[in-house]
Amino acid sequence: MNKLVLGTAQFGMDYGINNKRGKIPRAEVFEILESALKSGIDTIDTASSYGDSEEVIGEFIRSNRSTFKIISKLPGCRHPEVGDIFESSLKKLGVPKIYGYLIHSFPSYKNDEKVWGELEDLQSAGKVKKIGFSLYSPDELEYLMGKKLKIDIVQVPFSVFDQRFERYLPGLKKMGVEIHARSIFLQGLVFKKPDNLDGYFKKIRDKIECLNRLTGELGIPIVSLCTGFVMANGCIDKAVVGVDSLQNFIEIEKSTKDFIGEKTVEALSGLRMEDEDIVLPFNWKLSKVKN
């Protein structure tokens, strides 16, 4: 079974530090989706906040009469709005139900915790199989664990640089939670040339230099080291990957077939950092990044 989930933010908007093309043309999106199906990827990740991503996916599903397990996400809202927002997503996607629906804004949930009850109602009605949260910080997860909610899926950032959630994963697995890792390439930062990382990103320059040394010593591409590191974690069920072209998708999908050993995983574990100004892309000062 292919453990990749196809992320679709780039299908509906400009996204990613290395994405120089912007939004992917619709014809190429369809090629990517067709290639994903052929390679055994059965799940795609989208959100109502990803521009017209849901509409593009819906058009593909209608024209190809084929579908995926779809996970979408609820933007920040009050609980009376949940039903209408969800139904709007279903309409755009052209499907009667979806596999997963995640709360995308933890602060919004904290401001109105009745939002969770609305998701439970959608699940009880058979419109969504699994419900959960897309999280950014372990503090958010600890808060939710204190609430003792019946969470089916969590999506968390996890990469060679961002391992903040690692110690929580065995407990989540024991609880039967489906765990999805995202930002496994840190929105493309792992592929930046070290010499181009100064100013704001100087703090991660040494780590990226180490990653480049490893790829040279082992003869394994950076993309394979990053996917392999995530795949090697037995608690992680799926890895969400965004792509900015068909060729990029082919490279990432191919990388999952490269094996990395325990010693390599251990070496990559040493690249971890806790600085949320670096590991959380929404904190980045992008004007200070060179291409």
Protein backbone atom coordinates (compact mmCIF):
# COMPACT_ATOMS: atom_id res chain seq x y z
CA MET A 1 0.00 0.00 0.00
CA ASN A 2 1.31 3.45 -0.91
CA LYS A 3 1.72 5.54 2.25
CA LEU A 4 1.69 8.84 0.38
CA VAL A 5 -1.25 11.24 0.53
CA LEU A 6 -1.31 13.76 -2.31
CA GLY A 7 -1.48 17.29 -0.94
CA THR A 8 -3.35 19.68 -3.20
CA ALA A 9 -2.68 23.22 -1.97
CA GLN A 10 -0.72 23.94 -5.17
CA PHE A 11 -3.74 22.88 -7.22
CA GLY A 12 -5.62 25.95 -6.06
CA MET A 13 -3.06 28.61 -5.15
CA ASP A 14 0.62 29.61 -5.01
CA TYR A 15 2.25 27.57 -2.26
CA GLY A 16 5.76 26.58 -1.16
CA ILE A 17 9.09 28.35 -0.76
CA ASN A 18 10.58 26.56 -3.81
CA ASN A 19 7.51 26.94 -6.01
CA LYS A 20 8.51 29.42 -8.71
CA ARG A 21 5.67 28.45 -11.10
CA GLY A 22 2.74 29.35 -8.89
CA LYS A 23 -0.56 27.52 -9.21
CA ILE A 24 -0.33 24.36 -11.32
CA PRO A 25 -2.21 24.47 -14.68
CA ARG A 26 -5.40 22.42 -14.61
CA ALA A 27 -4.35 20.01 -17.38
CA GLU A 28 -1.19 19.18 -15.46
CA VAL A 29 -3.17 18.75 -12.23
CA PHE A 30 -5.24 16.08 -14.00
CA GLU A 31 -2.04 14.33 -15.15
CA ILE A 32 -0.76 14.34 -11.57
CA LEU A 33 -4.03 12.90 -10.26
CA GLU A 34 -4.03 10.19 -12.93
CA SER A 35 -0.42 9.31 -12.09
CA ALA A 36 -1.27 9.19 -8.39
CA LEU A 37 -4.05 6.67 -9.03
CA LYS A 38 -1.78 4.52 -11.19
CA SER A 39 0.91 4.50 -8.49
CA GLY A 40 -1.52 3.28 -5.85
CA ILE A 41 -2.08 6.54 -3.97
CA ASP A 42 -5.66 6.34 -2.75
CA THR A 43 -5.95 9.48 -0.57
CA ILE A 44 -5.81 13.20 -1.32
CA ASP A 45 -5.69 16.10 1.11
CA THR A 46 -7.41 19.41 0.43
CA ALA A 47 -9.13 22.27 2.26
CA SER A 48 -11.71 24.92 1.58
CA SER A 49 -8.95 27.48 2.16
CA TYR A 50 -6.82 26.11 -0.72
CA GLY A 51 -8.18 28.42 -3.38
CA ASP A 52 -10.17 26.45 -5.97
CA SER A 53 -8.46 23.14 -5.15
CA GLU A 54 -11.75 21.45 -4.22
CA GLU A 55 -13.37 22.53 -7.49
CA VAL A 56 -10.44 21.23 -9.55
CA ILE A 57 -10.54 17.88 -7.75
CA GLY A 58 -14.30 17.70 -8.27
CA GLU A 59 -13.90 18.35 -11.98
CA PHE A 60 -11.36 15.52 -12.22
CA ILE A 61 -13.62 13.11 -10.34
CA ARG A 62 -16.60 13.93 -12.57
CA SER A 63 -14.65 13.69 -15.83
CA ASN A 64 -12.75 10.53 -14.94
CA ARG A 65 -15.45 8.73 -12.96
CA SER A 66 -12.78 7.79 -10.47
CA THR A 67 -12.30 8.92 -6.93
CA PHE A 68 -9.95 8.98 -3.99
CA LYS A 69 -10.39 8.93 -0.27
CA ILE A 70 -10.76 12.66 0.23
CA ILE A 71 -9.71 14.56 3.34
CA SER A 72 -10.78 18.19 3.54
CA LYS A 73 -10.48 20.75 6.30
CA LEU A 74 -12.75 23.21 8.05
CA PRO A 75 -11.54 26.82 8.16
CA GLY A 76 -11.92 28.99 11.24
CA CYS A 77 -15.61 29.55 11.90
CA ARG A 78 -18.39 29.46 14.51
CA HIS A 79 -20.26 26.21 15.08
CA PRO A 80 -23.53 27.26 13.34
CA GLU A 81 -21.53 27.70 10.10
CA VAL A 82 -20.00 24.23 10.00
CA GLY A 83 -22.83 22.47 8.17
CA ASP A 84 -22.99 25.00 5.33
CA ILE A 85 -19.20 25.07 4.89
CA PHE A 86 -19.05 21.28 4.80
CA GLU A 87 -21.89 21.00 2.29
CA SER A 88 -20.17 23.61 0.11
CA SER A 89 -17.06 21.42 0.08
CA LEU A 90 -19.08 18.35 -0.90
CA LYS A 91 -20.71 20.29 -3.73
CA LYS A 92 -17.36 21.52 -5.06
CA LEU A 93 -15.88 18.03 -4.81
CA GLY A 94 -18.95 16.48 -6.44
CA VAL A 95 -19.22 13.69 -3.87
CA PRO A 96 -21.92 12.72 -1.33
CA LYS A 97 -19.43 12.00 1.45
CA ILE A 98 -15.71 12.12 2.22
CA TYR A 99 -13.19 10.05 4.12
CA GLY A 100 -11.92 12.68 6.53
CA TYR A 101 -12.75 16.17 7.79
CA LEU A 102 -10.27 18.02 9.99
CA ILE A 103 -10.46 21.22 11.99
CA HIS A 104 -7.89 23.46 10.31
CA SER A 105 -7.80 26.26 12.87
CA PHE A 106 -7.08 25.22 16.45
CA PRO A 107 -7.53 28.79 17.82
CA SER A 108 -10.97 28.89 16.22
CA TYR A 109 -11.85 25.57 17.88
CA LYS A 110 -10.73 26.88 21.28
CA ASN A 111 -12.94 29.93 20.82
CA ASP A 112 -15.98 27.75 20.06
CA GLU A 113 -15.56 24.13 21.09
CA LYS A 114 -19.08 23.30 19.91
CA VAL A 115 -17.50 23.08 16.45
CA TRP A 116 -16.36 19.56 17.38
CA GLY A 117 -19.92 18.49 18.10
CA GLU A 118 -20.90 19.62 14.60
CA LEU A 119 -18.22 17.36 13.13
CA GLU A 120 -19.50 14.48 15.25
CA ASP A 121 -22.99 15.10 13.85
CA LEU A 122 -21.65 14.95 10.28
CA GLN A 123 -19.95 11.68 11.12
CA SER A 124 -23.11 10.24 12.69
CA ALA A 125 -25.02 11.21 9.53
CA GLY A 126 -22.59 9.16 7.43
CA LYS A 127 -21.21 12.15 5.54
CA VAL A 128 -17.66 11.71 6.77
CA LYS A 129 -15.92 8.56 7.97
CA LYS A 130 -13.20 10.07 10.17
CA ILE A 131 -12.87 13.42 11.95
CA GLY A 132 -9.93 15.09 13.60
CA PHE A 133 -7.49 17.98 13.69
CA SER A 134 -4.69 19.51 11.67
CA LEU A 135 -2.22 20.67 14.32
CA TYR A 136 0.90 22.82 14.47
CA SER A 137 2.12 22.60 18.06
CA PRO A 138 2.41 19.83 20.68
CA ASP A 139 0.69 22.22 23.09
CA GLU A 140 -2.43 21.96 20.93
CA LEU A 141 -2.30 18.16 21.07
CA GLU A 142 -1.86 18.16 24.84
CA TYR A 143 -4.90 20.41 25.18
CA LEU A 144 -6.99 18.03 23.07
CA MET A 145 -5.80 14.97 24.97
CA GLY A 146 -7.03 16.65 28.13
CA LYS A 147 -10.48 16.98 26.53
CA LYS A 148 -10.60 13.21 25.88
CA LEU A 149 -12.24 13.64 22.47
CA LYS A 150 -12.73 10.64 20.18
CA ILE A 151 -10.29 11.77 17.50
CA ASP A 152 -9.89 9.55 14.42
CA ILE A 153 -7.15 11.42 12.53
CA VAL A 154 -4.44 13.91 13.41
CA GLN A 155 -2.28 15.62 10.84
CA VAL A 156 0.97 16.99 12.23
CA PRO A 157 4.20 18.46 10.83
CA PHE A 158 7.05 15.93 10.88
CA SER A 159 10.38 16.05 9.09
CA VAL A 160 14.11 15.60 9.57
CA PHE A 161 14.14 19.10 11.08
CA ASP A 162 10.79 19.09 12.89
CA GLN A 163 10.39 16.16 15.27
CA ARG A 164 8.44 17.97 18.00
CA PHE A 165 5.52 15.52 17.87
CA GLU A 166 7.65 12.36 17.88
CA ARG A 167 7.25 11.49 21.57
CA TYR A 168 3.45 11.70 21.29
CA LEU A 169 3.10 9.35 18.34
CA PRO A 170 3.23 6.00 20.20
CA GLY A 171 0.46 7.14 22.55
CA LEU A 172 -1.72 8.29 19.66
CA LYS A 173 -1.12 5.00 17.88
CA LYS A 174 -2.13 3.07 21.00
CA MET A 175 -5.38 5.08 21.06
CA GLY A 176 -6.13 4.01 17.48
CA VAL A 177 -5.61 7.45 15.97
CA GLU A 178 -4.65 7.57 12.29
CA ILE A 179 -1.50 9.69 12.07
CA HIS A 180 -0.66 11.74 8.99
CA ALA A 181 2.68 13.58 8.70
CA ARG A 182 2.83 16.77 6.66
CA SER A 183 5.52 19.34 5.81
CA ILE A 184 7.98 16.48 5.37
CA PHE A 185 10.04 18.75 3.08
CA LEU A 186 9.30 21.82 5.22
CA GLN A 187 7.58 23.42 2.22
CA GLY A 188 10.72 22.90 0.14
CA LEU A 189 13.22 24.45 2.57
CA VAL A 190 15.17 21.16 2.66
CA PHE A 191 16.03 21.65 -1.02
CA LYS A 192 17.47 25.16 -0.62
CA LYS A 193 21.16 25.65 -1.31
CA PRO A 194 22.99 26.36 1.97
CA ASP A 195 24.84 29.31 0.42
CA ASN A 196 21.50 31.02 -0.20
CA LEU A 197 20.43 30.77 3.43
CA ASP A 198 21.46 33.90 5.27
CA GLY A 199 19.72 36.44 7.46
CA TYR A 200 16.53 34.96 8.84
CA PHE A 201 17.33 31.37 7.78
CA LYS A 202 20.95 31.41 8.93
CA LYS A 203 19.91 29.35 11.97
CA ILE A 204 19.13 26.32 9.79
CA ARG A 205 22.07 26.66 7.42
CA ASP A 206 24.30 24.20 9.34
CA LYS A 207 21.50 21.60 9.38
CA ILE A 208 20.98 21.87 5.63
CA GLU A 209 24.74 21.62 5.07
CA CYS A 210 24.71 18.39 7.12
CA LEU A 211 21.81 17.07 5.04
CA ASN A 212 23.72 17.84 1.85
CA ARG A 213 26.82 16.09 3.19
CA LEU A 214 24.76 13.01 4.03
CA THR A 215 23.24 12.85 0.57
CA GLY A 216 26.74 13.09 -0.93
CA GLU A 217 28.24 10.42 1.33
CA LEU A 218 25.36 7.97 0.90
CA GLY A 219 24.55 8.65 -2.74
CA ILE A 220 20.89 9.03 -1.79
CA PRO A 221 18.94 12.13 -2.96
CA ILE A 222 17.65 14.58 -0.35
CA VAL A 223 14.07 13.81 -1.38
CA SER A 224 14.65 10.12 -0.59
CA LEU A 225 16.27 10.86 2.77
CA CYS A 226 13.30 13.03 3.75
CA THR A 227 10.59 10.59 2.67
CA GLY A 228 12.54 7.62 4.00
CA PHE A 229 12.94 9.24 7.41
CA VAL A 230 9.18 9.69 7.74
CA MET A 231 8.33 6.26 6.32
CA ALA A 232 10.73 4.65 8.80
CA ASN A 233 8.59 5.82 11.72
CA GLY A 234 6.24 2.92 12.39
CA CYS A 235 3.66 5.14 14.10
CA ILE A 236 3.04 7.26 11.00
CA ASP A 237 0.29 5.91 8.75
CA LYS A 238 0.50 8.39 5.88
CA ALA A 239 2.77 11.17 4.63
CA VAL A 240 1.13 14.16 2.95
CA VAL A 241 3.24 15.54 0.10
CA GLY A 242 2.57 18.58 -2.00
CA VAL A 243 3.94 18.82 -5.55
CA ASP A 244 4.43 21.72 -7.94
CA SER A 245 4.62 19.75 -11.21
CA LEU A 246 4.10 16.30 -12.69
CA GLN A 247 7.87 15.76 -12.73
CA ASN A 248 8.06 16.73 -9.06
CA PHE A 249 5.35 14.16 -8.27
CA ILE A 250 7.23 11.44 -10.19
CA GLU A 251 10.44 12.21 -8.26
CA ILE A 252 8.71 12.12 -4.87
CA GLU A 253 6.78 8.93 -5.62
CA LYS A 254 9.96 7.27 -6.84
CA SER A 255 11.79 8.35 -3.68
CA THR A 256 9.55 6.16 -1.52
CA LYS A 257 11.15 3.10 -3.08
CA ASP A 258 14.64 4.04 -1.82
CA PHE A 259 15.55 2.25 1.40
CA ILE A 260 17.41 4.02 4.20
CA GLY A 261 18.88 2.03 7.08
CA GLU A 262 18.75 2.49 10.84
CA LYS A 263 22.09 4.31 11.00
CA THR A 264 20.89 6.81 8.41
CA VAL A 265 17.64 7.35 10.31
CA GLU A 266 19.69 7.94 13.47
CA ALA A 267 21.90 10.47 11.68
CA LEU A 268 18.85 12.28 10.31
CA SER A 269 17.30 12.35 13.79
CA GLY A 270 20.25 14.49 14.85
CA LEU A 271 19.06 17.29 12.54
CA ARG A 272 16.05 18.08 14.73
CA MET A 273 15.44 21.63 15.89
CA GLU A 274 12.83 23.19 18.16
CA ASP A 275 12.84 26.76 16.84
CA GLU A 276 9.24 27.39 15.75
CA ASP A 277 10.32 30.46 13.79
CA ILE A 278 11.97 27.97 11.44
CA VAL A 279 9.93 24.75 11.65
CA LEU A 280 6.56 26.52 11.31
CA PRO A 281 6.39 28.06 7.83
CA PHE A 282 3.66 30.55 8.75
CA ASN A 283 6.28 32.27 10.95
CA TRP A 284 8.74 32.70 8.09
CA LYS A 285 9.90 36.10 6.89
CA LEU A 286 9.94 35.13 3.21
CA SER A 287 11.29 38.47 2.02
CA LYS A 288 14.62 37.39 3.51
CA VAL A 289 14.96 34.20 1.46
CA LYS A 290 17.03 34.05 -1.73
CA ASN A 291 16.14 31.64 -4.51
